[in-house]
Amino acid sequence: MKLSLGFSPCPNDTFIFDALIHHKIDTEGLEFEVYYDDVETLNQKAFRNELDITKLSFHAFAYAVNNYVLLDAGSALGFGVGPLLISRKDISGFVPEDIGEVRETELGTYQKVDLAPILSELKIGIPGKFTTANFLLSLFLPNAKHKEERLFSTIEDAVINQEIDLGLIIHENRFTYQEKGLRKIIDLGEFWEQLTGCPIPLGGIVIKRSLAKDVQLKVNRVLRKSVEYAFANPKSGLEFIRSHAQAMDEEVMYKHIDLYVNKYSIDLGAEGRKAVELLFQKALEKGVIPSSDQHIFLT
């Protein structure tokens, strides 16, 4: 049986799927037609119900939940893995002098001086409307007025070139923004963790509800085996990972993988499921996702 499969060219996804698509494990008779796209393109494909199996952001999943169900394997959750809001200058550069001293390193200070109205007036580059990154930004700045959607890999340069005031960065850009002279305004992963105490759910792997249950379970099994193989043989997929990475050296690639691939990628478990459910709950409370009676999880 051949299934269409979409995931990003980022190291965390190529690391996870290498063994599966290259038959380094027993795929139980399954074959895969692979599509490589950035996460927002994958989100849009999910909205159109195009792929049998796909990576998507958890924010987008709320809009595709009637057609897809979440696998236990393959998700990206964790602590210290959230998107960053960055700028060319430190946060005090956006604050009128009469507000007083601002310290960049403490979230509580942001709240005390009420920077939200100031930052909400600035032009912010986001990696896609339906990314989990944008959802977290909406929690932090619910009244942000000037968001611009951009390909995630172009946001740093847009900040440098002053096309936008702030940039919401994800993936490997976490490791490169400081080299380019950019500054962190806030780590939205830390913001979520302080708010909830849970790991931040970034993206997951979903499969069409219309497929037979035994096929869904088979895909979940082989994906778990693929992740386990990758952990047991971390350099096995090096050339494949490198071929899709954006001129990334090996050290940065594996930093990226270490950040986003962990125990939740093997199996969500109770803690991972709780985090996903909480994300949906918060999003519903804010009115940023539609309600649904569909169950989220495959098993």
Protein backbone atom coordinates (compact mmCIF):
# COMPACT_ATOMS: atom_id res chain seq x y z
CA MET A 1 0.00 0.00 0.00
CA LYS A 2 1.34 3.41 -0.97
CA LEU A 3 0.52 6.51 1.09
CA SER A 4 1.31 10.18 0.50
CA LEU A 5 3.45 11.66 3.25
CA GLY A 6 4.39 15.28 3.87
CA PHE A 7 7.00 16.66 6.25
CA SER A 8 9.42 19.55 6.39
CA PRO A 9 13.05 19.49 5.20
CA CYS A 10 14.16 20.59 8.67
CA PRO A 11 16.63 18.28 10.48
CA ASN A 12 14.17 17.17 13.15
CA ASP A 13 11.75 15.80 10.54
CA THR A 14 14.35 14.25 8.23
CA PHE A 15 15.95 12.63 11.30
CA ILE A 16 12.60 11.12 12.32
CA PHE A 17 11.52 9.90 8.88
CA ASP A 18 14.85 8.74 7.43
CA ALA A 19 14.55 5.09 8.52
CA LEU A 20 10.90 4.91 7.48
CA ILE A 21 11.23 6.22 3.92
CA HIS A 22 14.55 4.48 3.26
CA HIS A 23 13.33 1.10 4.57
CA LYS A 24 15.94 0.83 7.30
CA ILE A 25 13.10 -0.65 9.34
CA ASP A 26 10.28 -3.03 8.47
CA THR A 27 7.48 -0.80 7.13
CA GLU A 28 5.01 -3.72 7.18
CA GLY A 29 4.32 -3.48 3.45
CA LEU A 30 3.80 0.29 3.37
CA GLU A 31 5.35 2.54 0.71
CA PHE A 32 5.45 6.34 0.86
CA GLU A 33 5.28 9.10 -1.71
CA VAL A 34 7.10 11.95 0.04
CA TYR A 35 6.50 15.70 -0.21
CA TYR A 36 8.89 18.18 1.43
CA ASP A 37 7.36 21.54 2.37
CA ASP A 38 7.65 24.22 5.02
CA VAL A 39 5.19 23.86 7.87
CA GLU A 40 2.72 26.50 6.69
CA THR A 41 2.50 24.87 3.24
CA LEU A 42 1.87 21.56 4.97
CA ASN A 43 -0.82 23.22 7.09
CA GLN A 44 -2.57 24.46 3.94
CA LYS A 45 -2.34 21.01 2.33
CA ALA A 46 -3.96 19.55 5.45
CA PHE A 47 -6.80 22.06 5.19
CA ARG A 48 -7.36 20.79 1.64
CA ASN A 49 -7.16 17.15 2.82
CA GLU A 50 -4.44 16.47 0.24
CA LEU A 51 -2.04 14.11 2.02
CA ASP A 52 -2.67 10.77 3.70
CA ILE A 53 -0.11 11.53 6.43
CA THR A 54 1.38 14.91 7.22
CA LYS A 55 3.32 16.99 9.68
CA LEU A 56 1.42 20.09 10.74
CA SER A 57 1.41 22.63 13.52
CA PHE A 58 -0.90 21.92 16.44
CA HIS A 59 -2.61 25.26 15.83
CA ALA A 60 -3.45 24.14 12.29
CA PHE A 61 -4.52 20.71 13.50
CA ALA A 62 -7.49 22.34 15.22
CA TYR A 63 -8.72 23.38 11.76
CA ALA A 64 -8.08 19.97 10.20
CA VAL A 65 -9.26 17.76 13.05
CA ASN A 66 -12.41 16.65 11.22
CA ASN A 67 -10.29 14.97 8.53
CA TYR A 68 -7.19 13.91 10.48
CA VAL A 69 -6.32 12.20 13.75
CA LEU A 70 -3.06 12.61 15.70
CA LEU A 71 -0.53 9.77 15.81
CA ASP A 72 1.17 8.96 19.10
CA ALA A 73 4.60 9.02 17.41
CA GLY A 74 6.43 11.81 15.65
CA SER A 75 5.37 14.91 17.56
CA ALA A 76 7.58 17.83 18.50
CA LEU A 77 6.99 18.96 22.08
CA GLY A 78 9.37 20.04 24.77
CA PHE A 79 10.69 22.55 27.22
CA GLY A 80 12.90 25.34 25.94
CA VAL A 81 11.90 24.75 22.32
CA GLY A 82 9.46 27.57 21.72
CA PRO A 83 9.56 30.33 19.12
CA LEU A 84 11.44 33.55 19.83
CA LEU A 85 10.34 37.11 19.22
CA ILE A 86 13.40 39.06 18.06
CA SER A 87 14.38 42.56 16.97
CA ARG A 88 17.37 44.65 15.86
CA LYS A 89 17.48 46.47 19.20
CA ASP A 90 16.80 45.46 22.75
CA ILE A 91 13.36 45.89 24.17
CA SER A 92 14.09 49.25 25.82
CA GLY A 93 14.49 50.71 22.35
CA PHE A 94 10.74 50.38 21.82
CA VAL A 95 9.79 51.92 25.17
CA PRO A 96 9.19 55.64 25.74
CA GLU A 97 11.61 57.03 28.33
CA ASP A 98 8.90 57.89 30.82
CA ILE A 99 7.94 54.23 31.29
CA GLY A 100 11.14 53.50 33.20
CA GLU A 101 13.79 50.83 33.21
CA VAL A 102 13.06 47.56 31.43
CA ARG A 103 15.03 44.35 31.93
CA GLU A 104 15.00 41.98 29.01
CA THR A 105 15.54 38.76 30.94
CA GLU A 106 12.49 38.59 33.17
CA LEU A 107 9.00 37.95 31.90
CA GLY A 108 7.47 39.52 35.01
CA THR A 109 9.10 42.83 34.21
CA TYR A 110 7.46 42.89 30.80
CA GLN A 111 4.08 42.52 32.42
CA LYS A 112 4.70 45.18 35.07
CA VAL A 113 5.56 47.88 32.54
CA ASP A 114 2.78 46.68 30.23
CA LEU A 115 4.73 46.53 27.02
CA ALA A 116 1.93 44.73 25.20
CA PRO A 117 0.24 47.92 23.90
CA ILE A 118 3.59 49.18 22.61
CA LEU A 119 4.69 45.95 20.95
CA SER A 120 1.21 45.41 19.52
CA GLU A 121 1.61 48.52 17.38
CA LEU A 122 4.81 47.24 15.72
CA LYS A 123 5.13 45.35 12.46
CA ILE A 124 5.74 41.66 13.20
CA GLY A 125 6.88 39.01 10.73
CA ILE A 126 5.31 35.61 11.45
CA PRO A 127 6.07 32.20 9.88
CA GLY A 128 2.41 31.57 9.06
CA LYS A 129 -1.05 32.36 10.40
CA PHE A 130 -1.71 28.78 11.48
CA THR A 131 1.65 28.01 13.06
CA THR A 132 1.76 27.24 16.75
CA ALA A 133 4.29 30.06 16.94
CA ASN A 134 1.61 32.53 15.89
CA PHE A 135 -0.82 31.06 18.40
CA LEU A 136 1.69 31.63 21.21
CA LEU A 137 2.28 35.15 19.97
CA SER A 138 -1.49 35.69 20.13
CA LEU A 139 -1.46 34.63 23.79
CA PHE A 140 1.35 37.10 24.55
CA LEU A 141 0.11 39.93 22.29
CA PRO A 142 -3.59 39.30 21.68
CA ASN A 143 -4.04 42.76 20.14
CA ALA A 144 -1.10 42.73 17.74
CA LYS A 145 -2.27 44.77 14.76
CA HIS A 146 0.41 44.45 12.10
CA LYS A 147 1.38 40.85 11.37
CA GLU A 148 2.98 39.88 8.07
CA GLU A 149 3.25 36.25 6.95
CA ARG A 150 6.71 35.33 5.67
CA LEU A 151 8.64 32.16 4.94
CA PHE A 152 10.27 31.27 8.27
CA SER A 153 13.80 31.30 6.82
CA THR A 154 13.47 34.91 5.57
CA ILE A 155 12.33 36.54 8.82
CA GLU A 156 15.78 37.29 10.25
CA ASP A 157 16.84 39.16 7.13
CA ALA A 158 13.57 41.07 7.08
CA VAL A 159 14.31 42.32 10.61
CA ILE A 160 17.89 43.21 9.65
CA ASN A 161 16.68 45.11 6.57
CA GLN A 162 14.08 46.94 8.69
CA GLU A 163 11.20 45.62 6.61
CA ILE A 164 9.61 44.57 9.91
CA ASP A 165 10.17 45.68 13.52
CA LEU A 166 9.95 42.26 15.17
CA GLY A 167 10.39 38.73 13.89
CA LEU A 168 8.85 35.52 15.17
CA ILE A 169 11.49 32.85 14.52
CA ILE A 170 11.35 29.07 14.67
CA HIS A 171 13.50 26.03 13.80
CA GLU A 172 17.23 26.52 13.24
CA ASN A 173 16.96 30.31 13.36
CA ARG A 174 17.05 29.95 17.15
CA PHE A 175 20.75 29.21 16.72
CA THR A 176 21.66 31.92 14.23
CA TYR A 177 19.90 35.15 15.18
CA GLN A 178 22.56 36.31 17.67
CA GLU A 179 25.33 35.86 15.10
CA LYS A 180 23.47 38.38 12.95
CA GLY A 181 23.35 40.98 15.72
CA LEU A 182 19.68 40.41 16.55
CA ARG A 183 18.22 40.42 20.06
CA LYS A 184 15.62 38.35 21.85
CA ILE A 185 12.52 40.17 23.05
CA ILE A 186 10.88 37.09 24.57
CA ASP A 187 11.07 33.31 24.41
CA LEU A 188 7.43 32.33 23.88
CA GLY A 189 8.18 28.75 24.88
CA GLU A 190 9.25 29.98 28.32
CA PHE A 191 6.13 32.16 28.39
CA TRP A 192 3.96 29.07 27.77
CA GLU A 193 5.85 27.00 30.33
CA GLN A 194 5.40 29.64 33.03
CA LEU A 195 1.74 29.94 32.11
CA THR A 196 0.96 26.21 32.12
CA GLY A 197 3.86 24.16 33.48
CA CYS A 198 3.58 21.95 30.39
CA PRO A 199 5.89 21.32 27.45
CA ILE A 200 4.98 23.37 24.41
CA PRO A 201 3.30 21.36 21.62
CA LEU A 202 4.73 22.62 18.33
CA GLY A 203 3.89 20.10 15.64
CA GLY A 204 2.52 16.63 15.23
CA ILE A 205 2.01 13.89 12.64
CA VAL A 206 -1.58 13.24 11.62
CA ILE A 207 -3.24 10.65 9.40
CA LYS A 208 -6.52 10.71 7.50
CA ARG A 209 -9.51 9.52 9.47
CA SER A 210 -10.88 7.98 6.26
CA LEU A 211 -8.12 5.35 6.20
CA ALA A 212 -8.83 1.99 7.79
CA LYS A 213 -8.01 1.81 11.48
CA ASP A 214 -5.54 -1.02 10.94
CA VAL A 215 -3.65 1.18 8.44
CA GLN A 216 -3.60 4.07 10.90
CA LEU A 217 -2.21 1.83 13.63
CA LYS A 218 0.36 0.33 11.25
CA VAL A 219 1.62 3.81 10.30
CA ASN A 220 1.87 4.71 13.97
CA ARG A 221 3.89 1.55 14.67
CA VAL A 222 6.36 2.01 11.83
CA LEU A 223 6.80 5.71 12.60
CA ARG A 224 7.63 4.86 16.21
CA LYS A 225 10.16 2.29 14.97
CA SER A 226 11.66 4.93 12.69
CA VAL A 227 12.16 7.36 15.59
CA GLU A 228 13.62 4.61 17.77
CA TYR A 229 15.99 3.61 14.98
CA ALA A 230 17.11 7.23 14.60
CA PHE A 231 17.88 7.48 18.32
CA ALA A 232 19.80 4.19 18.23
CA ASN A 233 21.70 5.19 15.05
CA PRO A 234 21.88 9.01 15.15
CA LYS A 235 24.37 9.37 12.29
CA SER A 236 22.66 6.86 10.00
CA GLY A 237 20.67 9.55 8.19
CA LEU A 238 23.39 12.22 8.20
CA GLU A 239 23.70 12.60 4.43
CA PHE A 240 19.92 12.64 3.98
CA ILE A 241 19.51 15.22 6.74
CA ARG A 242 22.34 17.35 5.36
CA SER A 243 20.93 17.23 1.82
CA HIS A 244 17.77 19.01 2.99
CA ALA A 245 19.28 21.36 5.61
CA GLN A 246 19.82 24.99 4.69
CA ALA A 247 23.61 25.22 4.41
CA MET A 248 23.70 24.06 8.02
CA ASP A 249 26.83 22.63 9.58
CA GLU A 250 26.64 19.30 11.35
CA GLU A 251 26.82 20.77 14.85
CA VAL A 252 23.85 23.06 14.24
CA MET A 253 21.88 20.24 12.61
CA TYR A 254 22.24 18.04 15.65
CA LYS A 255 21.53 20.91 18.05
CA HIS A 256 18.30 21.36 16.10
CA ILE A 257 17.51 17.65 16.36
CA ASP A 258 18.31 17.52 20.08
CA LEU A 259 15.97 20.44 20.65
CA TYR A 260 12.92 19.06 18.88
CA VAL A 261 13.22 15.25 18.96
CA ASN A 262 12.78 13.64 22.37
CA LYS A 263 10.67 11.16 24.32
CA TYR A 264 7.46 12.82 23.08
CA SER A 265 8.55 12.00 19.52
CA ILE A 266 8.53 8.29 20.36
CA ASP A 267 5.20 8.47 22.20
CA LEU A 268 3.21 11.43 23.45
CA GLY A 269 2.37 9.72 26.72
CA ALA A 270 0.08 11.20 29.34
CA GLU A 271 2.17 14.36 29.76
CA GLY A 272 2.29 15.05 26.03
CA ARG A 273 -1.43 14.46 25.61
CA LYS A 274 -2.17 16.79 28.49
CA ALA A 275 -0.10 19.53 26.84
CA VAL A 276 -1.91 19.13 23.51
CA GLU A 277 -5.32 19.17 25.19
CA LEU A 278 -4.34 22.30 27.14
CA LEU A 279 -3.22 24.03 23.96
CA PHE A 280 -6.60 23.33 22.39
CA GLN A 281 -8.37 24.50 25.55
CA LYS A 282 -6.46 27.80 25.66
CA ALA A 283 -7.03 28.36 21.96
CA LEU A 284 -10.77 27.75 22.35
CA GLU A 285 -10.91 30.16 25.29
CA LYS A 286 -9.26 32.83 23.14
CA GLY A 287 -11.61 32.09 20.25
CA VAL A 288 -8.74 31.42 17.84
CA ILE A 289 -9.80 27.89 16.85
CA PRO A 290 -13.21 26.35 16.09
CA SER A 291 -14.75 23.82 18.44
CA SER A 292 -15.06 20.18 17.38
CA ASP A 293 -16.50 16.98 18.81
CA GLN A 294 -13.82 14.85 17.16
CA HIS A 295 -11.39 12.95 19.35
CA ILE A 296 -7.82 14.23 18.93
CA PHE A 297 -5.74 11.11 19.49
CA LEU A 298 -5.50 7.89 17.48
CA THR A 299 -5.58 5.57 20.50
